[in-house]
Amino acid sequence: MIRLNELTALADERSRKGDGLFAALLGGASMDFMTKEELAERHELMLALPTMAEEREAARQRVQERIRNRRKRSEAGV
């Protein structure tokens, strides 16, 4: 995540150094000011992030674990 932020900061700096009208014509997105190499690196980094389905499943498992722990404490009389 740190590297993604670094890539965005580099692109934002390029955007600020340029003409504001040019940035507006491109749409103003940070990605518009990334080099091909930076875009490729960003793409690889984004692919490494968990998908929404993976995050949802991990959250579901955490909730199930909390429920199991609560039931165990309840059964133990704590």
N, C-alpha and C. Protein backbone atom coordinates (compact mmCIF):
# COMPACT_ATOMS: atom_id res chain seq x y z
N MET A 1 0.82 -1.19 0.00
CA MET A 1 0.00 0.00 0.00
C MET A 1 0.87 1.26 0.00
N ILE A 2 2.00 1.18 0.66
CA ILE A 2 2.90 2.33 0.72
C ILE A 2 3.38 2.68 -0.69
N ARG A 3 3.74 1.65 -1.46
CA ARG A 3 4.25 1.91 -2.81
C ARG A 3 3.15 2.53 -3.69
N LEU A 4 1.91 2.09 -3.53
CA LEU A 4 0.81 2.70 -4.29
C LEU A 4 0.70 4.19 -3.98
N ASN A 5 0.83 4.52 -2.71
CA ASN A 5 0.79 5.93 -2.31
C ASN A 5 1.96 6.71 -2.90
N GLU A 6 3.13 6.08 -2.95
CA GLU A 6 4.30 6.73 -3.52
C GLU A 6 4.10 7.01 -5.01
N LEU A 7 3.57 6.02 -5.72
CA LEU A 7 3.33 6.19 -7.15
C LEU A 7 2.33 7.32 -7.40
N THR A 8 1.30 7.36 -6.58
CA THR A 8 0.29 8.42 -6.71
C THR A 8 0.90 9.79 -6.42
N ALA A 9 1.75 9.87 -5.40
CA ALA A 9 2.39 11.13 -5.05
C ALA A 9 3.28 11.63 -6.18
N LEU A 10 4.01 10.72 -6.82
CA LEU A 10 4.85 11.10 -7.95
C LEU A 10 4.00 11.65 -9.10
N ALA A 11 2.92 10.97 -9.39
CA ALA A 11 2.04 11.42 -10.47
C ALA A 11 1.38 12.75 -10.13
N ASP A 12 0.97 12.91 -8.88
CA ASP A 12 0.36 14.17 -8.46
C ASP A 12 1.35 15.33 -8.58
N GLU A 13 2.60 15.06 -8.26
CA GLU A 13 3.63 16.09 -8.38
C GLU A 13 3.80 16.50 -9.84
N ARG A 14 3.80 15.53 -10.74
CA ARG A 14 3.89 15.84 -12.17
C ARG A 14 2.70 16.68 -12.61
N SER A 15 1.54 16.34 -12.10
CA SER A 15 0.32 17.06 -12.45
C SER A 15 0.41 18.52 -11.99
N ARG A 16 0.91 18.74 -10.78
CA ARG A 16 1.02 20.10 -10.24
C ARG A 16 2.05 20.94 -11.02
N LYS A 17 3.10 20.28 -11.50
CA LYS A 17 4.14 21.01 -12.24
C LYS A 17 3.65 21.43 -13.62
N GLY A 18 2.67 20.72 -14.14
CA GLY A 18 2.19 21.01 -15.49
C GLY A 18 1.13 22.10 -15.50
N ASP A 19 0.64 22.35 -16.68
CA ASP A 19 -0.41 23.34 -16.89
C ASP A 19 -1.74 22.78 -16.36
N GLY A 20 -2.45 23.56 -15.58
CA GLY A 20 -3.71 23.12 -15.00
C GLY A 20 -4.74 22.78 -16.05
N LEU A 21 -4.74 23.50 -17.17
CA LEU A 21 -5.68 23.22 -18.26
C LEU A 21 -5.38 21.85 -18.87
N PHE A 22 -4.10 21.55 -19.04
CA PHE A 22 -3.71 20.24 -19.57
C PHE A 22 -4.19 19.12 -18.67
N ALA A 23 -4.02 19.30 -17.37
CA ALA A 23 -4.48 18.29 -16.42
C ALA A 23 -5.99 18.13 -16.51
N ALA A 24 -6.70 19.23 -16.66
CA ALA A 24 -8.16 19.18 -16.76
C ALA A 24 -8.59 18.46 -18.03
N LEU A 25 -7.87 18.69 -19.12
CA LEU A 25 -8.20 18.01 -20.38
C LEU A 25 -8.00 16.51 -20.29
N LEU A 26 -7.02 16.09 -19.51
CA LEU A 26 -6.77 14.65 -19.33
C LEU A 26 -7.77 14.04 -18.36
N GLY A 27 -8.43 14.84 -17.59
CA GLY A 27 -9.37 14.33 -16.61
C GLY A 27 -8.89 14.59 -15.20
N GLY A 28 -7.61 14.86 -15.02
CA GLY A 28 -7.08 15.20 -13.72
C GLY A 28 -6.77 14.03 -12.81
N ALA A 29 -6.96 12.82 -13.27
CA ALA A 29 -6.67 11.66 -12.43
C ALA A 29 -5.16 11.45 -12.33
N SER A 30 -4.73 10.98 -11.19
CA SER A 30 -3.30 10.72 -10.97
C SER A 30 -2.74 9.75 -12.00
N MET A 31 -3.55 8.77 -12.36
CA MET A 31 -3.09 7.76 -13.32
C MET A 31 -2.72 8.38 -14.66
N ASP A 32 -3.33 9.48 -15.00
CA ASP A 32 -3.04 10.14 -16.27
C ASP A 32 -1.61 10.66 -16.32
N PHE A 33 -0.98 10.80 -15.18
CA PHE A 33 0.37 11.35 -15.12
C PHE A 33 1.41 10.30 -14.71
N MET A 34 1.04 9.03 -14.79
CA MET A 34 1.99 7.96 -14.50
C MET A 34 2.64 7.50 -15.79
N THR A 35 3.90 7.07 -15.66
CA THR A 35 4.60 6.50 -16.81
C THR A 35 4.06 5.10 -17.07
N LYS A 36 4.40 4.54 -18.23
CA LYS A 36 3.97 3.17 -18.53
C LYS A 36 4.47 2.21 -17.46
N GLU A 37 5.68 2.40 -17.03
CA GLU A 37 6.27 1.52 -16.02
C GLU A 37 5.52 1.64 -14.69
N GLU A 38 5.20 2.88 -14.32
CA GLU A 38 4.46 3.10 -13.07
C GLU A 38 3.07 2.50 -13.15
N LEU A 39 2.42 2.65 -14.31
CA LEU A 39 1.09 2.05 -14.48
C LEU A 39 1.15 0.52 -14.37
N ALA A 40 2.18 -0.07 -14.97
CA ALA A 40 2.34 -1.53 -14.90
C ALA A 40 2.58 -1.96 -13.45
N GLU A 41 3.43 -1.23 -12.74
CA GLU A 41 3.71 -1.56 -11.34
C GLU A 41 2.45 -1.40 -10.50
N ARG A 42 1.70 -0.33 -10.74
CA ARG A 42 0.45 -0.10 -10.01
C ARG A 42 -0.51 -1.26 -10.25
N HIS A 43 -0.60 -1.69 -11.50
CA HIS A 43 -1.49 -2.80 -11.84
C HIS A 43 -1.11 -4.06 -11.07
N GLU A 44 0.18 -4.38 -11.03
CA GLU A 44 0.65 -5.55 -10.29
C GLU A 44 0.34 -5.43 -8.80
N LEU A 45 0.55 -4.24 -8.24
CA LEU A 45 0.27 -4.02 -6.83
C LEU A 45 -1.23 -4.18 -6.54
N MET A 46 -2.06 -3.66 -7.43
CA MET A 46 -3.51 -3.76 -7.24
C MET A 46 -3.97 -5.22 -7.32
N LEU A 47 -3.34 -6.00 -8.19
CA LEU A 47 -3.70 -7.42 -8.31
C LEU A 47 -3.35 -8.19 -7.03
N ALA A 48 -2.36 -7.71 -6.30
CA ALA A 48 -1.94 -8.39 -5.08
C ALA A 48 -2.87 -8.11 -3.90
N LEU A 49 -3.69 -7.07 -4.01
CA LEU A 49 -4.62 -6.74 -2.93
C LEU A 49 -5.75 -7.76 -2.88
N PRO A 50 -6.32 -7.98 -1.69
CA PRO A 50 -7.43 -8.94 -1.60
C PRO A 50 -8.66 -8.40 -2.34
N THR A 51 -9.43 -9.34 -2.88
CA THR A 51 -10.66 -8.95 -3.56
C THR A 51 -11.74 -8.65 -2.52
N MET A 52 -12.80 -8.05 -2.96
CA MET A 52 -13.91 -7.76 -2.06
C MET A 52 -14.49 -9.06 -1.50
N ALA A 53 -14.56 -10.08 -2.33
CA ALA A 53 -15.08 -11.37 -1.88
C ALA A 53 -14.18 -11.97 -0.80
N GLU A 54 -12.87 -11.84 -0.96
CA GLU A 54 -11.94 -12.35 0.05
C GLU A 54 -12.08 -11.59 1.36
N GLU A 55 -12.23 -10.27 1.26
CA GLU A 55 -12.41 -9.48 2.49
C GLU A 55 -13.72 -9.83 3.17
N ARG A 56 -14.78 -10.01 2.38
CA ARG A 56 -16.08 -10.37 2.95
C ARG A 56 -16.00 -11.73 3.65
N GLU A 57 -15.33 -12.69 3.04
CA GLU A 57 -15.20 -14.02 3.64
C GLU A 57 -14.38 -13.95 4.93
N ALA A 58 -13.32 -13.18 4.94
CA ALA A 58 -12.50 -13.03 6.15
C ALA A 58 -13.32 -12.40 7.27
N ALA A 59 -14.14 -11.40 6.93
CA ALA A 59 -15.00 -10.77 7.93
C ALA A 59 -16.02 -11.76 8.46
N ARG A 60 -16.60 -12.56 7.57
CA ARG A 60 -17.58 -13.56 7.98
C ARG A 60 -16.95 -14.57 8.96
N GLN A 61 -15.74 -14.98 8.66
CA GLN A 61 -15.04 -15.93 9.54
C GLN A 61 -14.75 -15.30 10.90
N ARG A 62 -14.38 -14.02 10.93
CA ARG A 62 -14.13 -13.35 12.21
C ARG A 62 -15.41 -13.27 13.04
N VAL A 63 -16.52 -12.98 12.40
CA VAL A 63 -17.80 -12.91 13.10
C VAL A 63 -18.16 -14.28 13.66
N GLN A 64 -18.00 -15.31 12.85
CA GLN A 64 -18.30 -16.67 13.31
C GLN A 64 -17.43 -17.07 14.50
N GLU A 65 -16.17 -16.67 14.47
CA GLU A 65 -15.26 -16.97 15.58
C GLU A 65 -15.71 -16.25 16.85
N ARG A 66 -16.12 -15.00 16.73
CA ARG A 66 -16.61 -14.27 17.90
C ARG A 66 -17.86 -14.91 18.47
N ILE A 67 -18.74 -15.36 17.59
CA ILE A 67 -19.96 -16.04 18.05
C ILE A 67 -19.61 -17.33 18.78
N ARG A 68 -18.69 -18.12 18.22
CA ARG A 68 -18.26 -19.36 18.89
C ARG A 68 -17.68 -19.07 20.26
N ASN A 69 -16.82 -18.05 20.34
CA ASN A 69 -16.21 -17.70 21.62
C ASN A 69 -17.25 -17.24 22.63
N ARG A 70 -18.21 -16.48 22.18
CA ARG A 70 -19.29 -16.00 23.07
C ARG A 70 -20.10 -17.18 23.59
N ARG A 71 -20.40 -18.11 22.72
CA ARG A 71 -21.17 -19.30 23.15
C ARG A 71 -20.39 -20.15 24.14
N LYS A 72 -19.08 -20.29 23.90
CA LYS A 72 -18.26 -21.05 24.83
C LYS A 72 -18.24 -20.42 26.20
N ARG A 73 -18.10 -19.07 26.24
CA ARG A 73 -18.11 -18.37 27.53
C ARG A 73 -19.48 -18.51 28.22
N SER A 74 -20.53 -18.46 27.44
CA SER A 74 -21.88 -18.58 27.98
C SER A 74 -22.10 -19.97 28.56
N GLU A 75 -21.64 -20.99 27.85
CA GLU A 75 -21.79 -22.37 28.31
C GLU A 75 -20.94 -22.62 29.55
N ALA A 76 -19.81 -21.95 29.64
CA ALA A 76 -18.91 -22.13 30.78
C ALA A 76 -19.41 -21.34 31.99
N GLY A 77 -20.42 -20.48 31.79
CA GLY A 77 -20.94 -19.70 32.90
C GLY A 77 -20.13 -18.50 33.27
N VAL A 78 -19.35 -18.03 32.35
CA VAL A 78 -18.50 -16.86 32.63
C VAL A 78 -19.25 -15.60 32.34
